[in-house]
Amino acid sequence: MVAVFDFILDFIRVDLIIGFGWYSILFFIFRLFKYQKELLTEFDKNACKTLIFLGILFAIIWLTLVTFTYFGIMNEEEKTQFIRRLTGQYSFGYWLQPLFWLILTQLVRLHFVRRFLIFRLLICVSFVLTFERFVIIVTSIHRDYIPGSWTMFNLGFGFTWWEFLLSVFIKSIEFCIIVFAYKYCKQKLLNLKVKKSI
């Protein structure tokens, strides 16, 4: 069960929210050419609402995972240590990253954040560069500058540019499918409300 929650959280964080960043780049490129401007603007409103929804969904799933782990998996000693981690002197380290991500996705509610590509990209990059990754990168770079240590690391990225382009395409498509699903569900709910009120 924990693996399912972890998969969903990673899918939301890595695939969909990063997909929003790639979508935003494409959106601003198409907007420069004034191609289907009304349609693009309407789709972008739904995309921003979808990102807001994904941020709230991420927070709910994260809290559910924490609760499920505490009540379902841990023994008494682990529960005590877990409570100390949640409420102790360094508890901010545990709460900071998920709260930061929730706040970042809710910033899209602000008009000036939606209007500028740089703010959207900063939001998406913040989902890629977690605190843990930042610590790993900084400690990995902190080495001697003596030529003997230059061969310590392989500076290759481990994937080709074709794989990168395919990844960008897939993430953008995934996000657009989620936006269409969001719009479809929203329309169905509105139609259902209208039928009930009649």
Protein backbone atom coordinates (compact mmCIF):
# COMPACT_ATOMS: atom_id res chain seq x y z
CA MET A 1 0.00 0.00 0.00
CA VAL A 2 2.84 2.39 0.84
CA ALA A 3 4.44 1.65 -2.54
CA VAL A 4 1.19 2.65 -4.30
CA PHE A 5 1.06 5.97 -2.43
CA ASP A 6 4.74 6.62 -3.18
CA PHE A 7 4.15 5.89 -6.86
CA ILE A 8 1.16 8.28 -6.98
CA LEU A 9 3.13 11.03 -5.21
CA ASP A 10 6.07 10.63 -7.59
CA PHE A 11 3.75 10.56 -10.60
CA ILE A 12 2.10 13.81 -9.51
CA ARG A 13 5.37 15.50 -8.59
CA VAL A 14 7.65 14.34 -11.38
CA ASP A 15 5.40 13.62 -14.34
CA LEU A 16 2.42 15.93 -14.04
CA ILE A 17 3.88 19.02 -12.41
CA ILE A 18 7.02 18.90 -14.55
CA GLY A 19 4.65 18.33 -17.48
CA PHE A 20 3.00 21.62 -16.51
CA GLY A 21 6.38 23.31 -16.92
CA TRP A 22 6.90 21.87 -20.41
CA TYR A 23 3.30 22.67 -21.31
CA SER A 24 3.86 26.26 -20.13
CA ILE A 25 6.84 26.63 -22.48
CA LEU A 26 4.75 25.38 -25.40
CA PHE A 27 1.83 27.59 -24.38
CA PHE A 28 3.96 30.73 -24.37
CA ILE A 29 5.50 29.80 -27.73
CA PHE A 30 2.05 29.32 -29.32
CA ARG A 31 0.81 32.51 -27.67
CA LEU A 32 3.63 34.46 -29.33
CA PHE A 33 2.30 33.41 -32.73
CA LYS A 34 -1.26 34.28 -31.65
CA TYR A 35 -2.40 30.83 -32.76
CA GLN A 36 -5.99 30.06 -31.60
CA LYS A 37 -5.65 32.64 -28.82
CA GLU A 38 -9.12 32.18 -27.26
CA LEU A 39 -8.83 28.40 -27.24
CA LEU A 40 -5.33 28.56 -25.78
CA THR A 41 -6.41 30.99 -23.06
CA GLU A 42 -9.32 28.78 -22.06
CA PHE A 43 -7.13 25.67 -22.00
CA ASP A 44 -4.50 27.51 -19.96
CA LYS A 45 -7.09 28.50 -17.34
CA ASN A 46 -8.01 24.84 -17.01
CA ALA A 47 -4.34 23.87 -16.88
CA CYS A 48 -3.70 26.28 -14.01
CA LYS A 49 -6.78 25.02 -12.16
CA THR A 50 -5.54 21.47 -12.70
CA LEU A 51 -2.16 22.37 -11.19
CA ILE A 52 -3.91 23.87 -8.16
CA PHE A 53 -5.97 20.69 -7.80
CA LEU A 54 -2.84 18.52 -8.18
CA GLY A 55 -1.12 20.46 -5.40
CA ILE A 56 -4.04 19.89 -3.04
CA LEU A 57 -4.24 16.22 -4.09
CA PHE A 58 -0.50 15.85 -3.44
CA ALA A 59 -0.88 17.24 0.09
CA ILE A 60 -3.87 15.00 0.85
CA ILE A 61 -2.09 11.86 -0.40
CA TRP A 62 1.06 12.78 1.51
CA LEU A 63 -0.89 13.24 4.76
CA THR A 64 -2.75 9.97 4.10
CA LEU A 65 0.57 8.19 3.56
CA VAL A 66 1.99 9.59 6.81
CA THR A 67 -1.15 8.59 8.72
CA PHE A 68 -1.31 5.14 7.15
CA THR A 69 2.37 4.53 7.87
CA TYR A 70 1.96 5.59 11.48
CA PHE A 71 -1.15 3.56 12.27
CA GLY A 72 -0.71 0.62 9.93
CA ILE A 73 2.95 -0.26 9.72
CA MET A 74 4.96 1.05 12.66
CA ASN A 75 5.47 -0.67 15.98
CA GLU A 76 5.43 1.28 19.26
CA GLU A 77 9.12 2.18 19.26
CA GLU A 78 8.97 3.43 15.66
CA LYS A 79 5.83 5.44 16.49
CA THR A 80 7.64 7.17 19.36
CA GLN A 81 10.59 8.05 17.13
CA PHE A 82 8.22 9.20 14.38
CA ILE A 83 6.37 11.55 16.76
CA ARG A 84 9.71 12.98 17.89
CA ARG A 85 10.61 13.57 14.25
CA LEU A 86 7.29 15.30 13.59
CA THR A 87 7.33 17.51 16.68
CA GLY A 88 10.99 17.72 17.70
CA GLN A 89 13.61 20.39 17.31
CA TYR A 90 14.19 19.62 13.62
CA SER A 91 10.57 18.95 12.69
CA PHE A 92 10.69 21.73 10.10
CA GLY A 93 12.86 19.45 7.96
CA TYR A 94 10.05 16.92 7.76
CA TRP A 95 7.21 19.38 7.10
CA LEU A 96 9.00 22.00 5.00
CA GLN A 97 9.22 20.25 1.62
CA PRO A 98 5.56 19.09 1.30
CA LEU A 99 4.24 22.43 2.60
CA PHE A 100 6.55 24.27 0.24
CA TRP A 101 5.20 22.23 -2.69
CA LEU A 102 1.60 22.85 -1.63
CA ILE A 103 2.20 26.60 -1.38
CA LEU A 104 4.01 26.66 -4.75
CA THR A 105 1.12 25.05 -6.58
CA GLN A 106 -1.35 27.41 -4.94
CA LEU A 107 0.64 30.43 -6.14
CA VAL A 108 -0.81 29.79 -9.60
CA ARG A 109 -4.02 31.30 -8.24
CA LEU A 110 -2.30 34.70 -8.48
CA HIS A 111 -2.75 36.42 -11.82
CA PHE A 112 0.82 37.67 -12.20
CA VAL A 113 2.21 34.16 -11.60
CA ARG A 114 -0.04 32.75 -14.34
CA ARG A 115 0.95 35.49 -16.79
CA PHE A 116 4.74 35.05 -16.76
CA LEU A 117 6.64 31.98 -17.92
CA ILE A 118 9.52 32.52 -15.50
CA PHE A 119 7.28 32.09 -12.44
CA ARG A 120 5.77 28.90 -13.85
CA LEU A 121 9.19 27.46 -14.59
CA LEU A 122 10.46 28.35 -11.11
CA ILE A 123 7.52 26.44 -9.64
CA CYS A 124 8.31 23.37 -11.75
CA VAL A 125 12.06 23.49 -11.12
CA SER A 126 11.33 23.61 -7.39
CA PHE A 127 9.58 20.27 -7.73
CA VAL A 128 12.63 18.76 -9.42
CA LEU A 129 15.28 20.15 -7.10
CA THR A 130 14.29 18.82 -3.69
CA PHE A 131 16.24 19.58 -0.54
CA GLU A 132 17.66 16.04 -0.53
CA ARG A 133 18.86 16.36 -4.12
CA PHE A 134 20.37 19.75 -3.35
CA VAL A 135 22.38 18.26 -0.46
CA ILE A 136 23.55 15.37 -2.67
CA ILE A 137 24.63 17.72 -5.46
CA VAL A 138 26.48 20.08 -3.12
CA THR A 139 28.30 17.28 -1.29
CA SER A 140 29.15 15.59 -4.62
CA ILE A 141 30.67 18.74 -6.04
CA HIS A 142 32.67 19.45 -2.89
CA ARG A 143 35.88 17.65 -3.85
CA ASP A 144 39.50 18.52 -4.45
CA TYR A 145 40.36 20.38 -7.59
CA ILE A 146 43.56 18.34 -7.99
CA PRO A 147 43.70 16.70 -11.43
CA GLY A 148 43.87 13.25 -9.80
CA SER A 149 40.25 13.58 -8.61
CA TRP A 150 38.87 14.67 -11.98
CA THR A 151 38.13 11.12 -13.05
CA MET A 152 36.15 10.46 -9.88
CA PHE A 153 32.83 11.26 -11.46
CA ASN A 154 31.29 10.43 -14.78
CA LEU A 155 29.84 13.70 -15.99
CA GLY A 156 27.57 12.01 -18.55
CA PHE A 157 23.88 12.37 -17.86
CA GLY A 158 23.11 8.72 -18.54
CA PHE A 159 20.57 9.38 -21.32
CA THR A 160 20.64 10.60 -24.88
CA TRP A 161 19.00 13.73 -26.20
CA TRP A 162 16.38 11.55 -27.96
CA GLU A 163 15.33 10.14 -24.60
CA PHE A 164 15.19 13.66 -23.20
CA LEU A 165 12.95 14.88 -26.03
CA LEU A 166 10.75 11.82 -25.70
CA SER A 167 10.47 12.45 -21.95
CA VAL A 168 9.47 16.09 -22.56
CA PHE A 169 6.86 15.00 -25.09
CA ILE A 170 5.42 12.28 -22.83
CA LYS A 171 5.24 14.55 -19.76
CA SER A 172 3.51 17.28 -21.77
CA ILE A 173 1.00 14.80 -23.20
CA GLU A 174 0.33 13.30 -19.75
CA PHE A 175 -0.37 16.73 -18.32
CA CYS A 176 -2.64 17.69 -21.23
CA ILE A 177 -4.61 14.44 -20.82
CA ILE A 178 -5.09 15.23 -17.12
CA VAL A 179 -6.28 18.75 -18.04
CA PHE A 180 -8.80 17.30 -20.51
CA ALA A 181 -9.98 14.83 -17.86
CA TYR A 182 -10.31 17.68 -15.34
CA LYS A 183 -12.31 19.76 -17.82
CA TYR A 184 -14.54 16.80 -18.73
CA CYS A 185 -15.27 15.94 -15.08
CA LYS A 186 -15.96 19.58 -14.27
CA GLN A 187 -18.40 19.83 -17.18
CA LYS A 188 -20.17 16.61 -16.14
CA LEU A 189 -20.57 17.90 -12.58
CA LEU A 190 -22.00 21.18 -13.83
CA ASN A 191 -24.45 19.33 -16.06
CA LEU A 192 -25.45 17.12 -13.12
CA LYS A 193 -26.10 20.19 -10.94
CA VAL A 194 -28.23 21.77 -13.66
CA LYS A 195 -30.31 18.58 -14.02
CA LYS A 196 -30.84 18.37 -10.26
CA SER A 197 -31.93 22.01 -10.03
CA ILE A 198 -34.53 21.55 -12.79
